[in-house]
């Protein structure tokens, strides 16, 4: 009868990996157990050797907590509520609960965050407009905790699963709608330049103008932060110009609401004097007066897709290639846009 693999054989294998990596066997053990006190470069080297040797950790399904970790860089708007709803929908169907975290505006969670997640051992992590550094990725990977990024702030890298939306197409559709209404001076309030979604929307805005043969005036593009106050402040800046725009693509719905307030203070009527288009299609877009023309970003569906993907990755028996998915945006025309008013003869 052929004996099974002994503890000594496994120890020898770990010792061999330690020698190849130039580290001690306890260090290899730390990597296997997901300990945080290993240098990122060392962890990466050991992980590569473990994979090369065909070493596979047993997936300890029974030891996982019945949780999905949901991480926001900011948790303070109706935008976040749409994402929470989507993750909750999937979690409830799977008999799981959702743990919310916020990284206080930082795009990368704090140093201790990954250690806390590793200790909780959730079924997976969904990050929103956030990213992980190399050490955090390595720690979660070493504990077989899958993660997916929703609307990644930067380029997540080829090995990071992500769910996004067609932001460029949305910016194009928003601006093309205004062009078709006869507007030629169209302003834009972008989001933070560090965020890919913001840059993509403004690139779509530029493409629509260029395709229509209209000049792109850099002075009509102002950088916001996706918050109401920025929409108000930058709206005042644009609308006080002697050559003010007749239409503005506000970049998102919250900035559009701030722009509404600026227009009202300056005595401008929407849409008679100013056409406005937002982005997201949050509930507030239907509630403001007049109801806001906006680009619908399927936030709840994006969050549902991310939660489903993270659970699929957690239950997969073999490593899967990273998945990148973009859900379609669509223009929703309401009452905040109209044909440009021509001056009387």
C-alpha atoms as a PDB file:
ATOM      1  CA  UNK A   1       0.000   0.000   0.000  1.00  0.00           C
ATOM      2  CA  UNK A   2       1.430   3.319  -1.083  1.00  0.00           C
ATOM      3  CA  UNK A   3       1.705   5.781   1.813  1.00  0.00           C
ATOM      4  CA  UNK A   4       0.142   9.206   1.503  1.00  0.00           C
ATOM      5  CA  UNK A   5       2.099  12.419   1.486  1.00  0.00           C
ATOM      6  CA  UNK A   6       3.750  12.788   4.866  1.00  0.00           C
ATOM      7  CA  UNK A   7       4.201  15.894   6.956  1.00  0.00           C
ATOM      8  CA  UNK A   8       7.957  15.516   6.414  1.00  0.00           C
ATOM      9  CA  UNK A   9       7.482  15.579   2.609  1.00  0.00           C
ATOM     10  CA  UNK A  10       5.400  18.771   2.850  1.00  0.00           C
ATOM     11  CA  UNK A  11       7.986  20.305   5.198  1.00  0.00           C
ATOM     12  CA  UNK A  12      10.741  19.417   2.760  1.00  0.00           C
ATOM     13  CA  UNK A  13       8.771  21.094  -0.023  1.00  0.00           C
ATOM     14  CA  UNK A  14       8.390  24.247   2.028  1.00  0.00           C
ATOM     15  CA  UNK A  15      12.082  24.124   2.907  1.00  0.00           C
ATOM     16  CA  UNK A  16      12.901  23.824  -0.803  1.00  0.00           C
ATOM     17  CA  UNK A  17      10.741  26.852  -1.584  1.00  0.00           C
ATOM     18  CA  UNK A  18      12.434  28.740   1.255  1.00  0.00           C
ATOM     19  CA  UNK A  19      15.880  27.960  -0.172  1.00  0.00           C
ATOM     20  CA  UNK A  20      14.867  29.073  -3.680  1.00  0.00           C
ATOM     21  CA  UNK A  21      13.359  32.281  -2.330  1.00  0.00           C
ATOM     22  CA  UNK A  22      16.360  32.954  -0.117  1.00  0.00           C
ATOM     23  CA  UNK A  23      14.219  33.152   3.019  1.00  0.00           C
ATOM     24  CA  UNK A  24      13.556  30.999   6.053  1.00  0.00           C
ATOM     25  CA  UNK A  25      10.913  28.264   6.220  1.00  0.00           C
ATOM     26  CA  UNK A  26       8.990  30.246   8.882  1.00  0.00           C
ATOM     27  CA  UNK A  27       8.751  33.124   6.382  1.00  0.00           C
ATOM     28  CA  UNK A  28       7.197  30.795   3.798  1.00  0.00           C
ATOM     29  CA  UNK A  29       4.789  29.628   6.498  1.00  0.00           C
ATOM     30  CA  UNK A  30       3.854  33.251   7.249  1.00  0.00           C
ATOM     31  CA  UNK A  31       3.021  33.813   3.579  1.00  0.00           C
ATOM     32  CA  UNK A  32       0.888  30.669   3.511  1.00  0.00           C
ATOM     33  CA  UNK A  33      -0.974  31.775   6.613  1.00  0.00           C
ATOM     34  CA  UNK A  34      -1.542  35.316   5.360  1.00  0.00           C
ATOM     35  CA  UNK A  35       0.533  36.999   8.035  1.00  0.00           C
ATOM     36  CA  UNK A  36       1.062  40.721   7.467  1.00  0.00           C
ATOM     37  CA  UNK A  37       4.644  40.893   8.771  1.00  0.00           C
ATOM     38  CA  UNK A  38       6.291  39.926   5.465  1.00  0.00           C
ATOM     39  CA  UNK A  39       7.840  42.458   3.082  1.00  0.00           C
ATOM     40  CA  UNK A  40       5.770  42.873  -0.127  1.00  0.00           C
ATOM     41  CA  UNK A  41       8.698  41.928  -2.399  1.00  0.00           C
ATOM     42  CA  UNK A  42       9.366  38.808  -0.327  1.00  0.00           C
ATOM     43  CA  UNK A  43       5.695  37.842  -0.305  1.00  0.00           C
ATOM     44  CA  UNK A  44       5.490  38.212  -4.088  1.00  0.00           C
ATOM     45  CA  UNK A  45       8.616  36.070  -4.599  1.00  0.00           C
ATOM     46  CA  UNK A  46       7.344  33.321  -2.300  1.00  0.00           C
ATOM     47  CA  UNK A  47       3.846  33.380  -3.835  1.00  0.00           C
ATOM     48  CA  UNK A  48       5.352  32.931  -7.314  1.00  0.00           C
ATOM     49  CA  UNK A  49       7.392  29.945  -6.151  1.00  0.00           C
ATOM     50  CA  UNK A  50       4.394  28.382  -4.419  1.00  0.00           C
ATOM     51  CA  UNK A  51       2.446  28.614  -7.667  1.00  0.00           C
ATOM     52  CA  UNK A  52       5.394  27.296  -9.681  1.00  0.00           C
ATOM     53  CA  UNK A  53       5.598  24.243  -7.407  1.00  0.00           C
ATOM     54  CA  UNK A  54       1.888  23.635  -7.825  1.00  0.00           C
ATOM     55  CA  UNK A  55       1.256  24.236  -4.150  1.00  0.00           C
ATOM     56  CA  UNK A  56      -2.461  24.819  -3.599  1.00  0.00           C
ATOM     57  CA  UNK A  57      -4.027  25.931  -0.356  1.00  0.00           C
ATOM     58  CA  UNK A  58      -7.138  24.123   0.704  1.00  0.00           C
ATOM     59  CA  UNK A  59     -10.078  26.501   0.533  1.00  0.00           C
ATOM     60  CA  UNK A  60     -11.394  26.608   4.075  1.00  0.00           C
ATOM     61  CA  UNK A  61     -15.009  27.331   3.121  1.00  0.00           C
ATOM     62  CA  UNK A  62     -16.289  26.354   6.552  1.00  0.00           C
ATOM     63  CA  UNK A  63     -14.011  28.850   8.283  1.00  0.00           C
ATOM     64  CA  UNK A  64     -15.178  31.823   6.221  1.00  0.00           C
ATOM     65  CA  UNK A  65     -17.371  34.414   7.855  1.00  0.00           C
ATOM     66  CA  UNK A  66     -20.786  34.871   6.209  1.00  0.00           C
ATOM     67  CA  UNK A  67     -19.784  38.364   5.053  1.00  0.00           C
ATOM     68  CA  UNK A  68     -18.961  40.513   2.047  1.00  0.00           C
ATOM     69  CA  UNK A  69     -16.732  43.501   2.807  1.00  0.00           C
ATOM     70  CA  UNK A  70     -17.807  46.655   0.930  1.00  0.00           C
ATOM     71  CA  UNK A  71     -15.250  49.479   0.927  1.00  0.00           C
ATOM     72  CA  UNK A  72     -15.861  53.091  -0.171  1.00  0.00           C
ATOM     73  CA  UNK A  73     -13.332  55.891  -0.395  1.00  0.00           C
ATOM     74  CA  UNK A  74     -16.212  58.187   0.642  1.00  0.00           C
ATOM     75  CA  UNK A  75     -19.553  57.156   2.100  1.00  0.00           C
ATOM     76  CA  UNK A  76     -21.774  60.206   2.087  1.00  0.00           C
ATOM     77  CA  UNK A  77     -24.045  60.424  -0.940  1.00  0.00           C
ATOM     78  CA  UNK A  78     -27.039  58.892  -2.673  1.00  0.00           C
ATOM     79  CA  UNK A  79     -24.531  57.460  -5.161  1.00  0.00           C
ATOM     80  CA  UNK A  80     -23.182  55.198  -2.403  1.00  0.00           C
ATOM     81  CA  UNK A  81     -26.696  54.098  -1.447  1.00  0.00           C
ATOM     82  CA  UNK A  82     -27.301  52.737  -4.958  1.00  0.00           C
ATOM     83  CA  UNK A  83     -24.115  50.668  -4.717  1.00  0.00           C
ATOM     84  CA  UNK A  84     -24.971  49.394  -1.227  1.00  0.00           C
ATOM     85  CA  UNK A  85     -28.406  48.332  -2.486  1.00  0.00           C
ATOM     86  CA  UNK A  86     -26.838  46.270  -5.271  1.00  0.00           C
ATOM     87  CA  UNK A  87     -24.359  44.452  -3.020  1.00  0.00           C
ATOM     88  CA  UNK A  88     -27.069  43.858  -0.408  1.00  0.00           C
ATOM     89  CA  UNK A  89     -29.345  42.292  -3.041  1.00  0.00           C
ATOM     90  CA  UNK A  90     -26.752  39.653  -3.887  1.00  0.00           C
ATOM     91  CA  UNK A  91     -25.571  39.151  -0.302  1.00  0.00           C
ATOM     92  CA  UNK A  92     -29.100  38.507   0.987  1.00  0.00           C
ATOM     93  CA  UNK A  93     -29.751  35.964  -1.757  1.00  0.00           C
ATOM     94  CA  UNK A  94     -26.567  34.148  -0.723  1.00  0.00           C
ATOM     95  CA  UNK A  95     -27.379  34.296   3.011  1.00  0.00           C
ATOM     96  CA  UNK A  96     -24.556  36.755   3.698  1.00  0.00           C
ATOM     97  CA  UNK A  97     -24.264  40.109   5.470  1.00  0.00           C
ATOM     98  CA  UNK A  98     -22.412  43.221   4.291  1.00  0.00           C
ATOM     99  CA  UNK A  99     -19.687  44.993   6.285  1.00  0.00           C
ATOM    100  CA  UNK A 100     -19.219  48.655   5.292  1.00  0.00           C
ATOM    101  CA  UNK A 101     -15.883  50.454   5.484  1.00  0.00           C
ATOM    102  CA  UNK A 102     -14.797  53.944   4.446  1.00  0.00           C
ATOM    103  CA  UNK A 103     -11.250  55.105   3.781  1.00  0.00           C
ATOM    104  CA  UNK A 104     -11.897  58.798   4.577  1.00  0.00           C
ATOM    105  CA  UNK A 105     -11.360  60.037   1.030  1.00  0.00           C
ATOM    106  CA  UNK A 106      -8.184  58.020   0.427  1.00  0.00           C
ATOM    107  CA  UNK A 107      -8.254  55.908  -2.726  1.00  0.00           C
ATOM    108  CA  UNK A 108      -6.282  53.165  -0.932  1.00  0.00           C
ATOM    109  CA  UNK A 109      -7.592  51.840   2.418  1.00  0.00           C
ATOM    110  CA  UNK A 110      -5.433  52.375   5.510  1.00  0.00           C
ATOM    111  CA  UNK A 111      -2.576  50.070   6.453  1.00  0.00           C
ATOM    112  CA  UNK A 112      -4.520  48.139   9.094  1.00  0.00           C
ATOM    113  CA  UNK A 113      -7.579  47.565   6.896  1.00  0.00           C
ATOM    114  CA  UNK A 114      -6.246  44.472   5.090  1.00  0.00           C
ATOM    115  CA  UNK A 115      -5.218  42.891   8.405  1.00  0.00           C
ATOM    116  CA  UNK A 116      -8.755  43.357   9.732  1.00  0.00           C
ATOM    117  CA  UNK A 117     -10.259  41.839   6.583  1.00  0.00           C
ATOM    118  CA  UNK A 118      -7.862  38.896   6.743  1.00  0.00           C
ATOM    119  CA  UNK A 119      -8.891  38.308  10.356  1.00  0.00           C
ATOM    120  CA  UNK A 120     -12.612  38.407   9.427  1.00  0.00           C
ATOM    121  CA  UNK A 121     -12.118  36.014   6.482  1.00  0.00           C
ATOM    122  CA  UNK A 122     -15.143  37.227   4.484  1.00  0.00           C
ATOM    123  CA  UNK A 123     -16.322  35.526   1.317  1.00  0.00           C
ATOM    124  CA  UNK A 124     -14.913  38.451  -0.633  1.00  0.00           C
ATOM    125  CA  UNK A 125     -14.268  42.206  -0.858  1.00  0.00           C
ATOM    126  CA  UNK A 126     -15.921  44.768  -3.141  1.00  0.00           C
ATOM    127  CA  UNK A 127     -14.042  48.069  -3.394  1.00  0.00           C
ATOM    128  CA  UNK A 128     -15.720  51.186  -4.810  1.00  0.00           C
ATOM    129  CA  UNK A 129     -13.622  53.898  -6.499  1.00  0.00           C
ATOM    130  CA  UNK A 130     -10.718  52.472  -4.524  1.00  0.00           C
ATOM    131  CA  UNK A 131      -7.630  50.400  -5.088  1.00  0.00           C
ATOM    132  CA  UNK A 132      -5.284  48.156  -3.135  1.00  0.00           C
ATOM    133  CA  UNK A 133      -1.537  48.479  -2.849  1.00  0.00           C
ATOM    134  CA  UNK A 134       0.687  45.498  -3.579  1.00  0.00           C
ATOM    135  CA  UNK A 135       0.988  44.375   0.032  1.00  0.00           C
ATOM    136  CA  UNK A 136      -2.792  44.463   0.552  1.00  0.00           C
ATOM    137  CA  UNK A 137      -3.417  42.498  -2.639  1.00  0.00           C
ATOM    138  CA  UNK A 138      -0.818  39.915  -1.634  1.00  0.00           C
ATOM    139  CA  UNK A 139      -2.306  39.526   1.850  1.00  0.00           C
ATOM    140  CA  UNK A 140      -5.848  38.957   0.575  1.00  0.00           C
ATOM    141  CA  UNK A 141      -4.596  36.598  -2.122  1.00  0.00           C
ATOM    142  CA  UNK A 142      -2.613  34.591   0.436  1.00  0.00           C
ATOM    143  CA  UNK A 143      -5.801  34.092   2.451  1.00  0.00           C
ATOM    144  CA  UNK A 144      -7.844  33.171  -0.648  1.00  0.00           C
ATOM    145  CA  UNK A 145     -10.070  36.242  -0.175  1.00  0.00           C
ATOM    146  CA  UNK A 146     -11.160  37.426  -3.647  1.00  0.00           C
ATOM    147  CA  UNK A 147     -11.720  41.100  -4.389  1.00  0.00           C
ATOM    148  CA  UNK A 148     -13.397  43.106  -7.175  1.00  0.00           C
ATOM    149  CA  UNK A 149     -13.206  46.848  -7.849  1.00  0.00           C
ATOM    150  CA  UNK A 150     -16.296  48.836  -8.901  1.00  0.00           C
ATOM    151  CA  UNK A 151     -15.596  51.909 -11.054  1.00  0.00           C
ATOM    152  CA  UNK A 152     -11.820  51.788 -10.423  1.00  0.00           C
ATOM    153  CA  UNK A 153     -10.226  55.162  -9.716  1.00  0.00           C
ATOM    154  CA  UNK A 154      -7.089  54.353 -11.718  1.00  0.00           C
ATOM    155  CA  UNK A 155      -5.929  51.517 -13.910  1.00  0.00           C
ATOM    156  CA  UNK A 156      -6.475  48.494 -11.639  1.00  0.00           C
ATOM    157  CA  UNK A 157      -3.894  46.369 -13.437  1.00  0.00           C
ATOM    158  CA  UNK A 158      -4.381  43.216 -15.498  1.00  0.00           C
ATOM    159  CA  UNK A 159      -4.745  40.937 -12.466  1.00  0.00           C
ATOM    160  CA  UNK A 160      -7.533  42.866 -10.707  1.00  0.00           C
ATOM    161  CA  UNK A 161     -11.182  42.049 -11.560  1.00  0.00           C
ATOM    162  CA  UNK A 162     -13.254  45.201 -12.088  1.00  0.00           C
ATOM    163  CA  UNK A 163     -16.754  46.348 -13.015  1.00  0.00           C
ATOM    164  CA  UNK A 164     -17.221  49.740 -14.646  1.00  0.00           C
ATOM    165  CA  UNK A 165     -19.518  51.678 -16.957  1.00  0.00           C
ATOM    166  CA  UNK A 166     -19.165  53.190 -20.422  1.00  0.00           C
ATOM    167  CA  UNK A 167     -18.172  56.612 -19.105  1.00  0.00           C
ATOM    168  CA  UNK A 168     -16.703  57.855 -22.387  1.00  0.00           C
ATOM    169  CA  UNK A 169     -19.844  56.911 -24.276  1.00  0.00           C
ATOM    170  CA  UNK A 170     -21.937  58.631 -21.604  1.00  0.00           C
ATOM    171  CA  UNK A 171     -19.991  61.890 -21.894  1.00  0.00           C
ATOM    172  CA  UNK A 172     -20.305  61.693 -25.659  1.00  0.00           C
ATOM    173  CA  UNK A 173     -24.083  61.124 -25.518  1.00  0.00           C
ATOM    174  CA  UNK A 174     -24.627  63.962 -23.019  1.00  0.00           C
ATOM    175  CA  UNK A 175     -22.708  66.491 -25.094  1.00  0.00           C
ATOM    176  CA  UNK A 176     -24.065  65.305 -28.434  1.00  0.00           C
ATOM    177  CA  UNK A 177     -27.597  65.840 -27.087  1.00  0.00           C
ATOM    178  CA  UNK A 178     -26.729  69.466 -26.297  1.00  0.00           C
ATOM    179  CA  UNK A 179     -25.104  69.967 -29.701  1.00  0.00           C
ATOM    180  CA  UNK A 180     -28.213  68.604 -31.428  1.00  0.00           C
ATOM    181  CA  UNK A 181     -30.256  71.217 -29.544  1.00  0.00           C
ATOM    182  CA  UNK A 182     -28.130  73.916 -31.190  1.00  0.00           C
ATOM    183  CA  UNK A 183     -25.758  74.741 -28.339  1.00  0.00           C
ATOM    184  CA  UNK A 184     -22.245  75.698 -29.396  1.00  0.00           C
ATOM    185  CA  UNK A 185     -20.857  77.075 -26.107  1.00  0.00           C
ATOM    186  CA  UNK A 186     -21.069  74.095 -23.806  1.00  0.00           C
ATOM    187  CA  UNK A 187     -19.311  74.109 -20.454  1.00  0.00           C
ATOM    188  CA  UNK A 188     -18.234  71.081 -18.462  1.00  0.00           C
ATOM    189  CA  UNK A 189     -17.696  70.512 -14.744  1.00  0.00           C
ATOM    190  CA  UNK A 190     -15.523  67.431 -14.414  1.00  0.00           C
ATOM    191  CA  UNK A 191     -14.823  65.237 -11.428  1.00  0.00           C
ATOM    192  CA  UNK A 192     -11.348  64.711  -9.930  1.00  0.00           C
ATOM    193  CA  UNK A 193      -8.684  64.265 -12.610  1.00  0.00           C
ATOM    194  CA  UNK A 194      -7.190  61.328 -10.681  1.00  0.00           C
ATOM    195  CA  UNK A 195     -10.325  59.261 -11.381  1.00  0.00           C
ATOM    196  CA  UNK A 196     -10.564  57.351 -14.662  1.00  0.00           C
ATOM    197  CA  UNK A 197     -14.348  57.731 -14.854  1.00  0.00           C
ATOM    198  CA  UNK A 198     -14.036  61.518 -14.661  1.00  0.00           C
ATOM    199  CA  UNK A 199     -11.376  61.693 -17.359  1.00  0.00           C
ATOM    200  CA  UNK A 200     -13.361  59.359 -19.614  1.00  0.00           C
ATOM    201  CA  UNK A 201     -16.524  61.503 -19.357  1.00  0.00           C
ATOM    202  CA  UNK A 202     -14.626  64.654 -20.297  1.00  0.00           C
ATOM    203  CA  UNK A 203     -12.908  62.816 -23.156  1.00  0.00           C
ATOM    204  CA  UNK A 204     -16.382  61.893 -24.425  1.00  0.00           C
ATOM    205  CA  UNK A 205     -17.440  65.555 -24.105  1.00  0.00           C
ATOM    206  CA  UNK A 206     -14.439  66.640 -26.166  1.00  0.00           C
ATOM    207  CA  UNK A 207     -15.076  63.969 -28.781  1.00  0.00           C
ATOM    208  CA  UNK A 208     -18.687  65.111 -29.248  1.00  0.00           C
ATOM    209  CA  UNK A 209     -17.601  68.714 -29.823  1.00  0.00           C
ATOM    210  CA  UNK A 210     -14.812  67.763 -32.196  1.00  0.00           C
ATOM    211  CA  UNK A 211     -17.079  65.428 -34.170  1.00  0.00           C
ATOM    212  CA  UNK A 212     -19.571  68.285 -34.573  1.00  0.00           C
ATOM    213  CA  UNK A 213     -16.812  70.615 -35.794  1.00  0.00           C
ATOM    214  CA  UNK A 214     -17.017  72.786 -32.676  1.00  0.00           C
ATOM    215  CA  UNK A 215     -13.908  74.127 -30.924  1.00  0.00           C
ATOM    216  CA  UNK A 216     -13.010  72.789 -27.483  1.00  0.00           C
ATOM    217  CA  UNK A 217     -12.543  75.849 -25.251  1.00  0.00           C
ATOM    218  CA  UNK A 218     -10.353  74.795 -22.289  1.00  0.00           C
ATOM    219  CA  UNK A 219     -11.629  77.755 -20.260  1.00  0.00           C
ATOM    220  CA  UNK A 220     -15.129  76.210 -20.298  1.00  0.00           C
ATOM    221  CA  UNK A 221     -13.870  73.001 -18.630  1.00  0.00           C
ATOM    222  CA  UNK A 222     -13.528  73.304 -14.845  1.00  0.00           C
ATOM    223  CA  UNK A 223     -12.420  70.613 -12.412  1.00  0.00           C
ATOM    224  CA  UNK A 224     -14.831  69.650  -9.639  1.00  0.00           C
ATOM    225  CA  UNK A 225     -14.939  66.841  -7.101  1.00  0.00           C
ATOM    226  CA  UNK A 226     -18.357  65.250  -7.771  1.00  0.00           C
ATOM    227  CA  UNK A 227     -19.953  67.096  -4.814  1.00  0.00           C
ATOM    228  CA  UNK A 228     -22.822  69.589  -4.673  1.00  0.00           C
ATOM    229  CA  UNK A 229     -20.664  72.455  -3.394  1.00  0.00           C
ATOM    230  CA  UNK A 230     -18.301  72.171  -6.359  1.00  0.00           C
ATOM    231  CA  UNK A 231     -21.244  72.316  -8.751  1.00  0.00           C
ATOM    232  CA  UNK A 232     -22.436  75.526  -7.092  1.00  0.00           C
ATOM    233  CA  UNK A 233     -19.012  77.193  -6.860  1.00  0.00           C
ATOM    234  CA  UNK A 234     -17.863  76.291 -10.367  1.00  0.00           C
ATOM    235  CA  UNK A 235     -21.321  76.972 -11.765  1.00  0.00           C
ATOM    236  CA  UNK A 236     -21.102  80.531 -10.452  1.00  0.00           C
ATOM    237  CA  UNK A 237     -17.688  80.821 -12.087  1.00  0.00           C
ATOM    238  CA  UNK A 238     -18.954  79.684 -15.482  1.00  0.00           C
ATOM    239  CA  UNK A 239     -22.272  81.541 -15.433  1.00  0.00           C
ATOM    240  CA  UNK A 240     -20.792  84.905 -14.362  1.00  0.00           C
ATOM    241  CA  UNK A 241     -18.664  85.047 -17.497  1.00  0.00           C
ATOM    242  CA  UNK A 242     -19.708  87.691 -20.012  1.00  0.00           C
ATOM    243  CA  UNK A 243     -19.564  84.946 -22.659  1.00  0.00           C
ATOM    244  CA  UNK A 244     -21.184  82.336 -20.443  1.00  0.00           C
ATOM    245  CA  UNK A 245     -22.079  78.902 -21.838  1.00  0.00           C
ATOM    246  CA  UNK A 246     -25.678  78.264 -22.839  1.00  0.00           C
ATOM    247  CA  UNK A 247     -25.399  74.653 -21.675  1.00  0.00           C
ATOM    248  CA  UNK A 248     -23.310  72.721 -19.147  1.00  0.00           C
ATOM    249  CA  UNK A 249     -22.460  69.036 -18.820  1.00  0.00           C
ATOM    250  CA  UNK A 250     -22.182  68.820 -15.043  1.00  0.00           C
ATOM    251  CA  UNK A 251     -20.229  65.543 -14.833  1.00  0.00           C
ATOM    252  CA  UNK A 252     -22.541  64.003 -12.232  1.00  0.00           C
ATOM    253  CA  UNK A 253     -25.977  64.650 -10.738  1.00  0.00           C
ATOM    254  CA  UNK A 254     -24.779  66.161  -7.457  1.00  0.00           C
ATOM    255  CA  UNK A 255     -22.770  68.817  -9.295  1.00  0.00           C
ATOM    256  CA  UNK A 256     -25.787  69.432 -11.531  1.00  0.00           C
ATOM    257  CA  UNK A 257     -27.890  70.178  -8.444  1.00  0.00           C
ATOM    258  CA  UNK A 258     -25.253  72.656  -7.274  1.00  0.00           C
ATOM    259  CA  UNK A 259     -25.312  74.226 -10.739  1.00  0.00           C
ATOM    260  CA  UNK A 260     -29.103  74.592 -10.485  1.00  0.00           C
ATOM    261  CA  UNK A 261     -28.598  76.608  -7.295  1.00  0.00           C
ATOM    262  CA  UNK A 262     -26.009  78.877  -8.937  1.00  0.00           C
ATOM    263  CA  UNK A 263     -28.283  79.506 -11.924  1.00  0.00           C
ATOM    264  CA  UNK A 264     -31.203  80.333  -9.636  1.00  0.00           C
ATOM    265  CA  UNK A 265     -29.129  82.873  -7.681  1.00  0.00           C
ATOM    266  CA  UNK A 266     -28.060  84.552 -10.930  1.00  0.00           C
ATOM    267  CA  UNK A 267     -31.628  84.743 -12.220  1.00  0.00           C
ATOM    268  CA  UNK A 268     -31.132  82.208 -15.000  1.00  0.00           C
ATOM    269  CA  UNK A 269     -33.973  79.846 -15.851  1.00  0.00           C
ATOM    270  CA  UNK A 270     -33.467  76.177 -16.661  1.00  0.00           C
ATOM    271  CA  UNK A 271     -33.870  75.249 -19.504  1.00  0.00           C
ATOM    272  CA  UNK A 272     -34.900  78.599 -21.057  1.00  0.00           C
ATOM    273  CA  UNK A 273     -31.563  80.315 -20.313  1.00  0.00           C
ATOM    274  CA  UNK A 274     -29.365  77.336 -19.476  1.00  0.00           C
ATOM    275  CA  UNK A 275     -29.529  73.662 -20.408  1.00  0.00           C
ATOM    276  CA  UNK A 276     -28.026  71.194 -17.910  1.00  0.00           C
ATOM    277  CA  UNK A 277     -27.080  67.515 -18.224  1.00  0.00           C
ATOM    278  CA  UNK A 278     -25.904  65.374 -15.309  1.00  0.00           C
ATOM    279  CA  UNK A 279     -24.533  61.866 -14.967  1.00  0.00           C
ATOM    280  CA  UNK A 280     -25.627  58.898 -12.780  1.00  0.00           C
ATOM    281  CA  UNK A 281     -29.452  59.194 -12.773  1.00  0.00           C
ATOM    282  CA  UNK A 282     -29.764  59.226  -9.000  1.00  0.00           C
ATOM    283  CA  UNK A 283     -33.276  59.608  -7.539  1.00  0.00           C
ATOM    284  CA  UNK A 284     -32.594  63.333  -7.020  1.00  0.00           C
ATOM    285  CA  UNK A 285     -32.478  63.750 -10.813  1.00  0.00           C
ATOM    286  CA  UNK A 286     -36.226  63.099 -10.936  1.00  0.00           C
ATOM    287  CA  UNK A 287     -37.013  65.230  -7.886  1.00  0.00           C
ATOM    288  CA  UNK A 288     -35.342  68.531  -8.779  1.00  0.00           C
ATOM    289  CA  UNK A 289     -37.236  71.187 -10.668  1.00  0.00           C
ATOM    290  CA  UNK A 290     -37.122  70.905 -13.579  1.00  0.00           C
ATOM    291  CA  UNK A 291     -36.345  67.158 -13.659  1.00  0.00           C
ATOM    292  CA  UNK A 292     -32.761  66.638 -14.797  1.00  0.00           C
ATOM    293  CA  UNK A 293     -31.655  65.266 -18.141  1.00  0.00           C
ATOM    294  CA  UNK A 294     -28.845  62.898 -17.240  1.00  0.00           C
ATOM    295  CA  UNK A 295     -26.810  59.876 -18.272  1.00  0.00           C
ATOM    296  CA  UNK A 296     -27.977  56.763 -16.470  1.00  0.00           C
ATOM    297  CA  UNK A 297     -25.116  54.840 -14.923  1.00  0.00           C
ATOM    298  CA  UNK A 298     -26.434  51.422 -13.817  1.00  0.00           C
ATOM    299  CA  UNK A 299     -24.956  51.672 -10.324  1.00  0.00           C
ATOM    300  CA  UNK A 300     -27.121  49.033  -8.666  1.00  0.00           C
ATOM    301  CA  UNK A 301     -26.512  46.591 -11.520  1.00  0.00           C
ATOM    302  CA  UNK A 302     -22.759  47.289 -11.410  1.00  0.00           C
ATOM    303  CA  UNK A 303     -22.705  46.550  -7.679  1.00  0.00           C
ATOM    304  CA  UNK A 304     -24.737  43.365  -8.172  1.00  0.00           C
ATOM    305  CA  UNK A 305     -22.341  42.211 -10.890  1.00  0.00           C
ATOM    306  CA  UNK A 306     -19.340  42.891  -8.619  1.00  0.00           C
ATOM    307  CA  UNK A 307     -20.870  40.981  -5.703  1.00  0.00           C
ATOM    308  CA  UNK A 308     -21.770  38.023  -7.917  1.00  0.00           C
ATOM    309  CA  UNK A 309     -18.277  37.988  -9.397  1.00  0.00           C
ATOM    310  CA  UNK A 310     -16.554  38.067  -6.012  1.00  0.00           C
ATOM    311  CA  UNK A 311     -18.646  35.089  -4.878  1.00  0.00           C
ATOM    312  CA  UNK A 312     -17.880  33.199  -8.106  1.00  0.00           C
ATOM    313  CA  UNK A 313     -14.161  33.839  -7.624  1.00  0.00           C
ATOM    314  CA  UNK A 314     -14.396  32.608  -4.041  1.00  0.00           C
ATOM    315  CA  UNK A 315     -16.035  29.340  -5.048  1.00  0.00           C
ATOM    316  CA  UNK A 316     -13.861  28.642  -8.107  1.00  0.00           C
ATOM    317  CA  UNK A 317     -11.614  25.614  -7.695  1.00  0.00           C
ATOM    318  CA  UNK A 318      -9.041  26.901 -10.155  1.00  0.00           C
ATOM    319  CA  UNK A 319      -7.539  30.357 -10.563  1.00  0.00           C
ATOM    320  CA  UNK A 320      -9.430  32.429 -13.117  1.00  0.00           C
ATOM    321  CA  UNK A 321      -8.210  35.196 -15.344  1.00  0.00           C
ATOM    322  CA  UNK A 322      -9.167  38.653 -14.111  1.00  0.00           C
ATOM    323  CA  UNK A 323     -12.536  39.812 -15.425  1.00  0.00           C
ATOM    324  CA  UNK A 324     -13.155  43.330 -16.678  1.00  0.00           C
ATOM    325  CA  UNK A 325     -16.719  44.295 -17.439  1.00  0.00           C
ATOM    326  CA  UNK A 326     -18.309  47.574 -18.549  1.00  0.00           C
ATOM    327  CA  UNK A 327     -22.071  48.066 -18.287  1.00  0.00           C
ATOM    328  CA  UNK A 328     -23.790  50.363 -20.760  1.00  0.00           C
ATOM    329  CA  UNK A 329     -24.831  53.920 -19.916  1.00  0.00           C
ATOM    330  CA  UNK A 330     -27.854  55.597 -21.539  1.00  0.00           C
ATOM    331  CA  UNK A 331     -29.124  59.149 -21.923  1.00  0.00           C
ATOM    332  CA  UNK A 332     -32.351  59.962 -20.051  1.00  0.00           C
ATOM    333  CA  UNK A 333     -33.926  63.122 -21.475  1.00  0.00           C
ATOM    334  CA  UNK A 334     -36.099  65.132 -19.080  1.00  0.00           C
ATOM    335  CA  UNK A 335     -36.913  68.829 -18.779  1.00  0.00           C
ATOM    336  CA  UNK A 336     -33.559  70.500 -18.043  1.00  0.00           C
ATOM    337  CA  UNK A 337     -32.489  70.755 -21.698  1.00  0.00           C
ATOM    338  CA  UNK A 338     -34.016  72.711 -24.572  1.00  0.00           C
ATOM    339  CA  UNK A 339     -33.069  74.224 -27.904  1.00  0.00           C
ATOM    340  CA  UNK A 340     -30.740  77.171 -27.588  1.00  0.00           C
ATOM    341  CA  UNK A 341     -32.449  80.567 -27.596  1.00  0.00           C
ATOM    342  CA  UNK A 342     -31.414  82.669 -30.556  1.00  0.00           C
ATOM    343  CA  UNK A 343     -31.065  86.414 -29.994  1.00  0.00           C
ATOM    344  CA  UNK A 344     -33.921  88.484 -31.420  1.00  0.00           C
ATOM    345  CA  UNK A 345     -33.229  90.267 -34.726  1.00  0.00           C
END
